[in-house]
């Protein structure tokens, strides 16, 4: 039962990283390169389920914490995996107003 739940969690994360499109094991499409931004809560969910190698295979070229300082990365899609609280939403808004994230 625990392994079935773990597989469902992994599949849900992979679907999210693929812009909510299901991925079949037979599909051989090239991944879309993207940035993954998460908070500590998101990190605690992702870390035990997906390795850095798994993230790379899903097209995640860079993964980092929401509140870390970083340079703009133009023309690269960003996936946010954060707790929907006021602090995180404010931070995402700041980044977009400053032009440090492009979608």
PDB file of N, CA and C in Angstrom:
ATOM      1  N   UNK A   1       0.819  -1.203   0.000  1.00  0.00           N
ATOM      2  CA  UNK A   1       0.000   0.000   0.000  1.00  0.00           C
ATOM      3  C   UNK A   1       0.863   1.268   0.000  1.00  0.00           C
ATOM      4  N   UNK A   2       1.934   1.279   0.816  1.00  0.00           N
ATOM      5  CA  UNK A   2       2.807   2.455   0.889  1.00  0.00           C
ATOM      6  C   UNK A   2       3.504   2.706  -0.445  1.00  0.00           C
ATOM      7  N   UNK A   3       3.897   1.634  -1.131  1.00  0.00           N
ATOM      8  CA  UNK A   3       4.578   1.825  -2.418  1.00  0.00           C
ATOM      9  C   UNK A   3       3.621   2.359  -3.475  1.00  0.00           C
ATOM     10  N   UNK A   4       2.356   1.985  -3.390  1.00  0.00           N
ATOM     11  CA  UNK A   4       1.356   2.509  -4.337  1.00  0.00           C
ATOM     12  C   UNK A   4       1.157   4.002  -4.101  1.00  0.00           C
ATOM     13  N   UNK A   5       1.076   4.397  -2.845  1.00  0.00           N
ATOM     14  CA  UNK A   5       0.924   5.813  -2.513  1.00  0.00           C
ATOM     15  C   UNK A   5       2.137   6.610  -2.976  1.00  0.00           C
ATOM     16  N   UNK A   6       3.325   6.076  -2.740  1.00  0.00           N
ATOM     17  CA  UNK A   6       4.563   6.743  -3.178  1.00  0.00           C
ATOM     18  C   UNK A   6       4.575   6.911  -4.697  1.00  0.00           C
ATOM     19  N   UNK A   7       4.194   5.876  -5.432  1.00  0.00           N
ATOM     20  CA  UNK A   7       4.142   5.963  -6.897  1.00  0.00           C
ATOM     21  C   UNK A   7       3.164   7.036  -7.354  1.00  0.00           C
ATOM     22  N   UNK A   8       2.026   7.129  -6.690  1.00  0.00           N
ATOM     23  CA  UNK A   8       1.037   8.158  -7.049  1.00  0.00           C
ATOM     24  C   UNK A   8       1.578   9.554  -6.771  1.00  0.00           C
ATOM     25  N   UNK A   9       2.307   9.706  -5.670  1.00  0.00           N
ATOM     26  CA  UNK A   9       2.911  11.000  -5.352  1.00  0.00           C
ATOM     27  C   UNK A   9       3.959  11.376  -6.402  1.00  0.00           C
ATOM     28  N   UNK A  10       4.791  10.427  -6.764  1.00  0.00           N
ATOM     29  CA  UNK A  10       5.823  10.674  -7.778  1.00  0.00           C
ATOM     30  C   UNK A  10       5.182  11.028  -9.113  1.00  0.00           C
ATOM     31  N   UNK A  11       4.157  10.292  -9.499  1.00  0.00           N
ATOM     32  CA  UNK A  11       3.469  10.578 -10.766  1.00  0.00           C
ATOM     33  C   UNK A  11       2.819  11.958 -10.755  1.00  0.00           C
ATOM     34  N   UNK A  12       2.258  12.359  -9.615  1.00  0.00           N
ATOM     35  CA  UNK A  12       1.644  13.688  -9.517  1.00  0.00           C
ATOM     36  C   UNK A  12       2.703  14.781  -9.669  1.00  0.00           C
ATOM     37  N   UNK A  13       3.860  14.595  -9.042  1.00  0.00           N
ATOM     38  CA  UNK A  13       4.941  15.572  -9.181  1.00  0.00           C
ATOM     39  C   UNK A  13       5.443  15.644 -10.616  1.00  0.00           C
ATOM     40  N   UNK A  14       5.612  14.492 -11.235  1.00  0.00           N
ATOM     41  CA  UNK A  14       6.084  14.472 -12.626  1.00  0.00           C
ATOM     42  C   UNK A  14       5.084  15.137 -13.559  1.00  0.00           C
ATOM     43  N   UNK A  15       3.793  14.913 -13.316  1.00  0.00           N
ATOM     44  CA  UNK A  15       2.756  15.562 -14.134  1.00  0.00           C
ATOM     45  C   UNK A  15       2.831  17.083 -13.947  1.00  0.00           C
ATOM     46  N   UNK A  16       3.011  17.542 -12.710  1.00  0.00           N
ATOM     47  CA  UNK A  16       3.138  18.971 -12.434  1.00  0.00           C
ATOM     48  C   UNK A  16       4.344  19.547 -13.181  1.00  0.00           C
ATOM     49  N   UNK A  17       5.473  18.830 -13.139  1.00  0.00           N
ATOM     50  CA  UNK A  17       6.692  19.308 -13.795  1.00  0.00           C
ATOM     51  C   UNK A  17       6.589  19.265 -15.313  1.00  0.00           C
ATOM     52  N   UNK A  18       5.600  18.557 -15.813  1.00  0.00           N
ATOM     53  CA  UNK A  18       5.355  18.494 -17.249  1.00  0.00           C
ATOM     54  C   UNK A  18       4.159  19.372 -17.623  1.00  0.00           C
ATOM     55  N   UNK A  19       3.956  20.434 -16.852  1.00  0.00           N
ATOM     56  CA  UNK A  19       2.884  21.402 -17.089  1.00  0.00           C
ATOM     57  C   UNK A  19       1.504  20.749 -17.076  1.00  0.00           C
ATOM     58  N   UNK A  20       1.328  19.791 -16.174  1.00  0.00           N
ATOM     59  CA  UNK A  20       0.062  19.109 -15.920  1.00  0.00           C
ATOM     60  C   UNK A  20      -0.392  18.207 -17.070  1.00  0.00           C
ATOM     61  N   UNK A  21       0.551  17.710 -17.832  1.00  0.00           N
ATOM     62  CA  UNK A  21       0.258  16.757 -18.903  1.00  0.00           C
ATOM     63  C   UNK A  21       0.782  15.395 -18.461  1.00  0.00           C
ATOM     64  N   UNK A  22      -0.052  14.372 -18.591  1.00  0.00           N
ATOM     65  CA  UNK A  22       0.385  13.030 -18.213  1.00  0.00           C
ATOM     66  C   UNK A  22       1.521  12.562 -19.105  1.00  0.00           C
ATOM     67  N   UNK A  23       2.450  11.846 -18.500  1.00  0.00           N
ATOM     68  CA  UNK A  23       3.591  11.308 -19.226  1.00  0.00           C
ATOM     69  C   UNK A  23       3.465   9.798 -19.231  1.00  0.00           C
ATOM     70  N   UNK A  24       3.508   9.223 -20.414  1.00  0.00           N
ATOM     71  CA  UNK A  24       3.482   7.764 -20.483  1.00  0.00           C
ATOM     72  C   UNK A  24       4.907   7.257 -20.572  1.00  0.00           C
ATOM     73  N   UNK A  25       5.098   6.028 -20.148  1.00  0.00           N
ATOM     74  CA  UNK A  25       6.446   5.453 -20.185  1.00  0.00           C
ATOM     75  C   UNK A  25       6.930   5.242 -21.610  1.00  0.00           C
ATOM     76  N   UNK A  26       6.009   5.202 -22.568  1.00  0.00           N
ATOM     77  CA  UNK A  26       6.397   4.988 -23.952  1.00  0.00           C
ATOM     78  C   UNK A  26       6.674   6.301 -24.691  1.00  0.00           C
ATOM     79  N   UNK A  27       6.317   7.441 -24.085  1.00  0.00           N
ATOM     80  CA  UNK A  27       6.549   8.708 -24.776  1.00  0.00           C
ATOM     81  C   UNK A  27       8.038   9.036 -24.751  1.00  0.00           C
ATOM     82  N   UNK A  28       8.526   9.538 -25.870  1.00  0.00           N
ATOM     83  CA  UNK A  28       9.948   9.854 -26.001  1.00  0.00           C
ATOM     84  C   UNK A  28      10.158  11.325 -26.352  1.00  0.00           C
ATOM     85  N   UNK A  29       9.177  12.157 -26.054  1.00  0.00           N
ATOM     86  CA  UNK A  29       9.292  13.580 -26.365  1.00  0.00           C
ATOM     87  C   UNK A  29      10.387  14.221 -25.519  1.00  0.00           C
ATOM     88  N   UNK A  30      11.064  15.177 -26.131  1.00  0.00           N
ATOM     89  CA  UNK A  30      12.100  15.917 -25.423  1.00  0.00           C
ATOM     90  C   UNK A  30      11.446  16.766 -24.333  1.00  0.00           C
ATOM     91  N   UNK A  31      12.061  16.822 -23.154  1.00  0.00           N
ATOM     92  CA  UNK A  31      11.478  17.656 -22.091  1.00  0.00           C
ATOM     93  C   UNK A  31      11.639  19.135 -22.403  1.00  0.00           C
ATOM     94  N   UNK A  32      10.712  19.940 -21.893  1.00  0.00           N
ATOM     95  CA  UNK A  32      10.817  21.387 -21.990  1.00  0.00           C
ATOM     96  C   UNK A  32      11.702  21.836 -20.837  1.00  0.00           C
ATOM     97  N   UNK A  33      12.736  22.605 -21.135  1.00  0.00           N
ATOM     98  CA  UNK A  33      13.639  23.070 -20.084  1.00  0.00           C
ATOM     99  C   UNK A  33      12.931  24.108 -19.248  1.00  0.00           C
ATOM    100  N   UNK A  34      13.110  24.004 -17.932  1.00  0.00           N
ATOM    101  CA  UNK A  34      12.385  24.878 -17.012  1.00  0.00           C
ATOM    102  C   UNK A  34      13.154  25.052 -15.718  1.00  0.00           C
ATOM    103  N   UNK A  35      12.681  26.008 -14.920  1.00  0.00           N
ATOM    104  CA  UNK A  35      13.224  26.266 -13.587  1.00  0.00           C
ATOM    105  C   UNK A  35      12.160  25.874 -12.575  1.00  0.00           C
ATOM    106  N   UNK A  36      12.560  25.219 -11.510  1.00  0.00           N
ATOM    107  CA  UNK A  36      11.666  24.851 -10.419  1.00  0.00           C
ATOM    108  C   UNK A  36      12.027  25.693  -9.205  1.00  0.00           C
ATOM    109  N   UNK A  37      11.034  26.415  -8.704  1.00  0.00           N
ATOM    110  CA  UNK A  37      11.218  27.242  -7.511  1.00  0.00           C
ATOM    111  C   UNK A  37      10.282  26.701  -6.442  1.00  0.00           C
ATOM    112  N   UNK A  38      10.829  26.428  -5.265  1.00  0.00           N
ATOM    113  CA  UNK A  38      10.019  25.877  -4.180  1.00  0.00           C
ATOM    114  C   UNK A  38      10.365  26.564  -2.867  1.00  0.00           C
ATOM    115  N   UNK A  39       9.463  26.422  -1.902  1.00  0.00           N
ATOM    116  CA  UNK A  39       9.753  26.884  -0.550  1.00  0.00           C
ATOM    117  C   UNK A  39      10.175  25.669   0.271  1.00  0.00           C
ATOM    118  N   UNK A  40      10.400  25.853   1.557  1.00  0.00           N
ATOM    119  CA  UNK A  40      10.840  24.733   2.406  1.00  0.00           C
ATOM    120  C   UNK A  40       9.799  23.611   2.421  1.00  0.00           C
ATOM    121  N   UNK A  41       8.531  23.982   2.403  1.00  0.00           N
ATOM    122  CA  UNK A  41       7.458  22.995   2.390  1.00  0.00           C
ATOM    123  C   UNK A  41       7.521  22.155   1.109  1.00  0.00           C
ATOM    124  N   UNK A  42       7.656  22.814  -0.020  1.00  0.00           N
ATOM    125  CA  UNK A  42       7.773  22.108  -1.296  1.00  0.00           C
ATOM    126  C   UNK A  42       9.027  21.255  -1.363  1.00  0.00           C
ATOM    127  N   UNK A  43      10.108  21.766  -0.817  1.00  0.00           N
ATOM    128  CA  UNK A  43      11.363  21.015  -0.781  1.00  0.00           C
ATOM    129  C   UNK A  43      11.193  19.731   0.032  1.00  0.00           C
ATOM    130  N   UNK A  44      10.490  19.827   1.156  1.00  0.00           N
ATOM    131  CA  UNK A  44      10.260  18.650   1.996  1.00  0.00           C
ATOM    132  C   UNK A  44       9.418  17.594   1.287  1.00  0.00           C
ATOM    133  N   UNK A  45       8.583  18.001   0.363  1.00  0.00           N
ATOM    134  CA  UNK A  45       7.763  17.056  -0.402  1.00  0.00           C
ATOM    135  C   UNK A  45       8.567  16.436  -1.542  1.00  0.00           C
ATOM    136  N   UNK A  46       9.281  17.268  -2.278  1.00  0.00           N
ATOM    137  CA  UNK A  46       9.991  16.804  -3.469  1.00  0.00           C
ATOM    138  C   UNK A  46      11.221  15.960  -3.134  1.00  0.00           C
ATOM    139  N   UNK A  47      12.013  16.395  -2.171  1.00  0.00           N
ATOM    140  CA  UNK A  47      13.303  15.750  -1.884  1.00  0.00           C
ATOM    141  C   UNK A  47      13.248  14.237  -1.685  1.00  0.00           C
ATOM    142  N   UNK A  48      12.326  13.707  -0.896  1.00  0.00           N
ATOM    143  CA  UNK A  48      12.334  12.248  -0.720  1.00  0.00           C
ATOM    144  C   UNK A  48      11.769  11.476  -1.917  1.00  0.00           C
ATOM    145  N   UNK A  49      11.141  12.178  -2.856  1.00  0.00           N
ATOM    146  CA  UNK A  49      10.474  11.493  -3.963  1.00  0.00           C
ATOM    147  C   UNK A  49      11.232  11.557  -5.283  1.00  0.00           C
ATOM    148  N   UNK A  50      11.913  12.662  -5.541  1.00  0.00           N
ATOM    149  CA  UNK A  50      12.611  12.838  -6.817  1.00  0.00           C
ATOM    150  C   UNK A  50      14.061  13.231  -6.581  1.00  0.00           C
ATOM    151  N   UNK A  51      14.960  12.555  -7.252  1.00  0.00           N
ATOM    152  CA  UNK A  51      16.378  12.891  -7.167  1.00  0.00           C
ATOM    153  C   UNK A  51      16.696  14.018  -8.145  1.00  0.00           C
ATOM    154  N   UNK A  52      17.882  14.570  -8.037  1.00  0.00           N
ATOM    155  CA  UNK A  52      18.328  15.596  -8.981  1.00  0.00           C
ATOM    156  C   UNK A  52      18.326  15.018 -10.397  1.00  0.00           C
ATOM    157  N   UNK A  53      18.715  13.769 -10.533  1.00  0.00           N
ATOM    158  CA  UNK A  53      18.696  13.105 -11.843  1.00  0.00           C
ATOM    159  C   UNK A  53      17.266  13.053 -12.396  1.00  0.00           C
ATOM    160  N   UNK A  54      16.303  12.717 -11.548  1.00  0.00           N
ATOM    161  CA  UNK A  54      14.899  12.692 -11.975  1.00  0.00           C
ATOM    162  C   UNK A  54      14.452  14.073 -12.444  1.00  0.00           C
ATOM    163  N   UNK A  55      14.835  15.102 -11.698  1.00  0.00           N
ATOM    164  CA  UNK A  55      14.460  16.465 -12.081  1.00  0.00           C
ATOM    165  C   UNK A  55      15.066  16.834 -13.433  1.00  0.00           C
ATOM    166  N   UNK A  56      16.316  16.487 -13.644  1.00  0.00           N
ATOM    167  CA  UNK A  56      16.974  16.764 -14.929  1.00  0.00           C
ATOM    168  C   UNK A  56      16.246  16.057 -16.073  1.00  0.00           C
ATOM    169  N   UNK A  57      15.870  14.805 -15.848  1.00  0.00           N
ATOM    170  CA  UNK A  57      15.146  14.053 -16.877  1.00  0.00           C
ATOM    171  C   UNK A  57      13.795  14.685 -17.201  1.00  0.00           C
ATOM    172  N   UNK A  58      13.233  15.412 -16.228  1.00  0.00           N
ATOM    173  CA  UNK A  58      11.958  16.100 -16.443  1.00  0.00           C
ATOM    174  C   UNK A  58      12.160  17.492 -17.044  1.00  0.00           C
ATOM    175  N   UNK A  59      13.417  17.866 -17.306  1.00  0.00           N
ATOM    176  CA  UNK A  59      13.707  19.148 -17.934  1.00  0.00           C
ATOM    177  C   UNK A  59      14.000  20.270 -16.961  1.00  0.00           C
ATOM    178  N   UNK A  60      14.105  19.967 -15.664  1.00  0.00           N
ATOM    179  CA  UNK A  60      14.413  21.004 -14.678  1.00  0.00           C
ATOM    180  C   UNK A  60      15.914  21.271 -14.718  1.00  0.00           C
ATOM    181  N   UNK A  61      16.272  22.441 -15.242  1.00  0.00           N
ATOM    182  CA  UNK A  61      17.691  22.781 -15.370  1.00  0.00           C
ATOM    183  C   UNK A  61      18.233  23.477 -14.132  1.00  0.00           C
ATOM    184  N   UNK A  62      17.332  24.061 -13.359  1.00  0.00           N
ATOM    185  CA  UNK A  62      17.728  24.765 -12.155  1.00  0.00           C
ATOM    186  C   UNK A  62      16.599  24.627 -11.145  1.00  0.00           C
ATOM    187  N   UNK A  63      16.943  24.305  -9.921  1.00  0.00           N
ATOM    188  CA  UNK A  63      15.937  24.258  -8.856  1.00  0.00           C
ATOM    189  C   UNK A  63      16.490  25.019  -7.665  1.00  0.00           C
ATOM    190  N   UNK A  64      15.646  25.869  -7.086  1.00  0.00           N
ATOM    191  CA  UNK A  64      16.118  26.705  -6.005  1.00  0.00           C
ATOM    192  C   UNK A  64      14.985  27.152  -5.105  1.00  0.00           C
ATOM    193  N   UNK A  65      15.369  27.655  -3.944  1.00  0.00           N
ATOM    194  CA  UNK A  65      14.393  28.127  -2.970  1.00  0.00           C
ATOM    195  C   UNK A  65      13.824  29.477  -3.379  1.00  0.00           C
ATOM    196  N   UNK A  66      12.562  29.679  -3.091  1.00  0.00           N
ATOM    197  CA  UNK A  66      11.853  30.903  -3.449  1.00  0.00           C
ATOM    198  C   UNK A  66      12.529  32.146  -2.888  1.00  0.00           C
ATOM    199  N   UNK A  67      13.001  32.068  -1.662  1.00  0.00           N
ATOM    200  CA  UNK A  67      13.543  33.260  -1.006  1.00  0.00           C
ATOM    201  C   UNK A  67      15.051  33.435  -1.190  1.00  0.00           C
ATOM    202  N   UNK A  68      15.647  32.666  -2.098  1.00  0.00           N
ATOM    203  CA  UNK A  68      17.070  32.855  -2.381  1.00  0.00           C
ATOM    204  C   UNK A  68      17.233  33.989  -3.395  1.00  0.00           C
ATOM    205  N   UNK A  69      18.380  34.634  -3.356  1.00  0.00           N
ATOM    206  CA  UNK A  69      18.678  35.691  -4.325  1.00  0.00           C
ATOM    207  C   UNK A  69      19.131  35.038  -5.624  1.00  0.00           C
ATOM    208  N   UNK A  70      18.670  35.581  -6.740  1.00  0.00           N
ATOM    209  CA  UNK A  70      19.062  35.016  -8.029  1.00  0.00           C
ATOM    210  C   UNK A  70      18.926  36.069  -9.123  1.00  0.00           C
ATOM    211  N   UNK A  71      19.579  35.791 -10.208  1.00  0.00           N
ATOM    212  CA  UNK A  71      19.537  36.665 -11.377  1.00  0.00           C
ATOM    213  C   UNK A  71      18.339  36.286 -12.252  1.00  0.00           C
ATOM    214  N   UNK A  72      17.903  37.206 -13.108  1.00  0.00           N
ATOM    215  CA  UNK A  72      16.818  36.881 -14.030  1.00  0.00           C
ATOM    216  C   UNK A  72      17.222  35.787 -15.021  1.00  0.00           C
ATOM    217  N   UNK A  73      16.269  34.993 -15.402  1.00  0.00           N
ATOM    218  CA  UNK A  73      16.492  33.963 -16.416  1.00  0.00           C
ATOM    219  C   UNK A  73      15.418  34.167 -17.484  1.00  0.00           C
ATOM    220  N   UNK A  74      15.715  34.975 -18.491  1.00  0.00           N
ATOM    221  CA  UNK A  74      14.697  35.308 -19.491  1.00  0.00           C
ATOM    222  C   UNK A  74      14.314  34.112 -20.361  1.00  0.00           C
ATOM    223  N   UNK A  75      13.060  34.104 -20.776  1.00  0.00           N
ATOM    224  CA  UNK A  75      12.528  33.138 -21.738  1.00  0.00           C
ATOM    225  C   UNK A  75      12.585  31.685 -21.271  1.00  0.00           C
ATOM    226  N   UNK A  76      12.584  31.459 -19.968  1.00  0.00           N
ATOM    227  CA  UNK A  76      12.565  30.101 -19.428  1.00  0.00           C
ATOM    228  C   UNK A  76      11.339  29.984 -18.542  1.00  0.00           C
ATOM    229  N   UNK A  77      10.499  28.969 -18.761  1.00  0.00           N
ATOM    230  CA  UNK A  77       9.322  28.801 -17.905  1.00  0.00           C
ATOM    231  C   UNK A  77       9.733  28.460 -16.472  1.00  0.00           C
ATOM    232  N   UNK A  78       8.938  28.939 -15.529  1.00  0.00           N
ATOM    233  CA  UNK A  78       9.182  28.700 -14.114  1.00  0.00           C
ATOM    234  C   UNK A  78       7.980  27.976 -13.529  1.00  0.00           C
ATOM    235  N   UNK A  79       8.255  26.930 -12.763  1.00  0.00           N
ATOM    236  CA  UNK A  79       7.204  26.230 -12.040  1.00  0.00           C
ATOM    237  C   UNK A  79       7.429  26.513 -10.562  1.00  0.00           C
ATOM    238  N   UNK A  80       6.403  27.066  -9.915  1.00  0.00           N
ATOM    239  CA  UNK A  80       6.463  27.334  -8.486  1.00  0.00           C
ATOM    240  C   UNK A  80       5.746  26.211  -7.742  1.00  0.00           C
ATOM    241  N   UNK A  81       6.418  25.644  -6.756  1.00  0.00           N
ATOM    242  CA  UNK A  81       5.821  24.620  -5.901  1.00  0.00           C
ATOM    243  C   UNK A  81       5.979  25.116  -4.472  1.00  0.00           C
ATOM    244  N   UNK A  82       5.016  25.948  -4.058  1.00  0.00           N
ATOM    245  CA  UNK A  82       5.107  26.631  -2.771  1.00  0.00           C
ATOM    246  C   UNK A  82       3.779  26.551  -2.028  1.00  0.00           C
ATOM    247  N   UNK A  83       3.850  26.743  -0.727  1.00  0.00           N
ATOM    248  CA  UNK A  83       2.656  26.856   0.092  1.00  0.00           C
ATOM    249  C   UNK A  83       1.983  28.178  -0.276  1.00  0.00           C
ATOM    250  N   UNK A  84       0.679  28.173  -0.511  1.00  0.00           N
ATOM    251  CA  UNK A  84       0.009  29.409  -0.934  1.00  0.00           C
ATOM    252  C   UNK A  84      -0.270  30.339   0.253  1.00  0.00           C
ATOM    253  N   UNK A  85       0.804  30.897   0.809  1.00  0.00           N
ATOM    254  CA  UNK A  85       0.611  31.832   1.917  1.00  0.00           C
ATOM    255  C   UNK A  85       0.989  33.238   1.457  1.00  0.00           C
ATOM    256  N   UNK A  86       0.652  34.219   2.276  1.00  0.00           N
ATOM    257  CA  UNK A  86       0.848  35.613   1.883  1.00  0.00           C
ATOM    258  C   UNK A  86       2.313  35.955   1.626  1.00  0.00           C
ATOM    259  N   UNK A  87       3.209  35.425   2.451  1.00  0.00           N
ATOM    260  CA  UNK A  87       4.641  35.704   2.284  1.00  0.00           C
ATOM    261  C   UNK A  87       5.157  35.195   0.939  1.00  0.00           C
ATOM    262  N   UNK A  88       4.791  33.967   0.572  1.00  0.00           N
ATOM    263  CA  UNK A  88       5.246  33.396  -0.703  1.00  0.00           C
ATOM    264  C   UNK A  88       4.640  34.123  -1.892  1.00  0.00           C
ATOM    265  N   UNK A  89       3.364  34.434  -1.804  1.00  0.00           N
ATOM    266  CA  UNK A  89       2.699  35.137  -2.906  1.00  0.00           C
ATOM    267  C   UNK A  89       3.305  36.529  -3.087  1.00  0.00           C
ATOM    268  N   UNK A  90       3.601  37.188  -1.976  1.00  0.00           N
ATOM    269  CA  UNK A  90       4.245  38.503  -2.044  1.00  0.00           C
ATOM    270  C   UNK A  90       5.616  38.405  -2.710  1.00  0.00           C
ATOM    271  N   UNK A  91       6.384  37.382  -2.353  1.00  0.00           N
ATOM    272  CA  UNK A  91       7.721  37.190  -2.935  1.00  0.00           C
ATOM    273  C   UNK A  91       7.632  36.941  -4.445  1.00  0.00           C
ATOM    274  N   UNK A  92       6.697  36.112  -4.857  1.00  0.00           N
ATOM    275  CA  UNK A  92       6.530  35.842  -6.287  1.00  0.00           C
ATOM    276  C   UNK A  92       6.146  37.132  -7.009  1.00  0.00           C
ATOM    277  N   UNK A  93       5.253  37.915  -6.411  1.00  0.00           N
ATOM    278  CA  UNK A  93       4.876  39.195  -7.003  1.00  0.00           C
ATOM    279  C   UNK A  93       6.048  40.147  -7.121  1.00  0.00           C
ATOM    280  N   UNK A  94       6.900  40.196  -6.092  1.00  0.00           N
ATOM    281  CA  UNK A  94       8.096  41.048  -6.138  1.00  0.00           C
ATOM    282  C   UNK A  94       9.002  40.640  -7.287  1.00  0.00           C
ATOM    283  N   UNK A  95       9.203  39.346  -7.438  1.00  0.00           N
ATOM    284  CA  UNK A  95      10.097  38.852  -8.491  1.00  0.00           C
ATOM    285  C   UNK A  95       9.574  39.240  -9.867  1.00  0.00           C
ATOM    286  N   UNK A  96       8.275  39.119 -10.062  1.00  0.00           N
ATOM    287  CA  UNK A  96       7.715  39.445 -11.373  1.00  0.00           C
ATOM    288  C   UNK A  96       7.718  40.951 -11.619  1.00  0.00           C
ATOM    289  N   UNK A  97       7.463  41.737 -10.587  1.00  0.00           N
ATOM    290  CA  UNK A  97       7.506  43.191 -10.764  1.00  0.00           C
ATOM    291  C   UNK A  97       8.902  43.684 -11.071  1.00  0.00           C
ATOM    292  N   UNK A  98       9.891  43.027 -10.495  1.00  0.00           N
ATOM    293  CA  UNK A  98      11.281  43.407 -10.751  1.00  0.00           C
ATOM    294  C   UNK A  98      11.811  42.834 -12.061  1.00  0.00           C
ATOM    295  N   UNK A  99      11.012  41.977 -12.694  1.00  0.00           N
ATOM    296  CA  UNK A  99      11.441  41.397 -13.956  1.00  0.00           C
ATOM    297  C   UNK A  99      12.476  40.297 -13.792  1.00  0.00           C
ATOM    298  N   UNK A 100      12.544  39.700 -12.597  1.00  0.00           N
ATOM    299  CA  UNK A 100      13.554  38.672 -12.392  1.00  0.00           C
ATOM    300  C   UNK A 100      13.080  37.289 -12.783  1.00  0.00           C
ATOM    301  N   UNK A 101      11.829  37.145 -13.131  1.00  0.00           N
ATOM    302  CA  UNK A 101      11.307  35.858 -13.612  1.00  0.00           C
ATOM    303  C   UNK A 101      10.510  36.137 -14.880  1.00  0.00           C
ATOM    304  N   UNK A 102      10.703  35.329 -15.854  1.00  0.00           N
ATOM    305  CA  UNK A 102       9.960  35.455 -17.113  1.00  0.00           C
ATOM    306  C   UNK A 102       9.138  34.197 -17.312  1.00  0.00           C
ATOM    307  N   UNK A 103       7.949  34.356 -17.829  1.00  0.00           N
ATOM    308  CA  UNK A 103       7.123  33.166 -18.094  1.00  0.00           C
ATOM    309  C   UNK A 103       6.946  32.978 -19.567  1.00  0.00           C
TER     310      UNK A 103
END
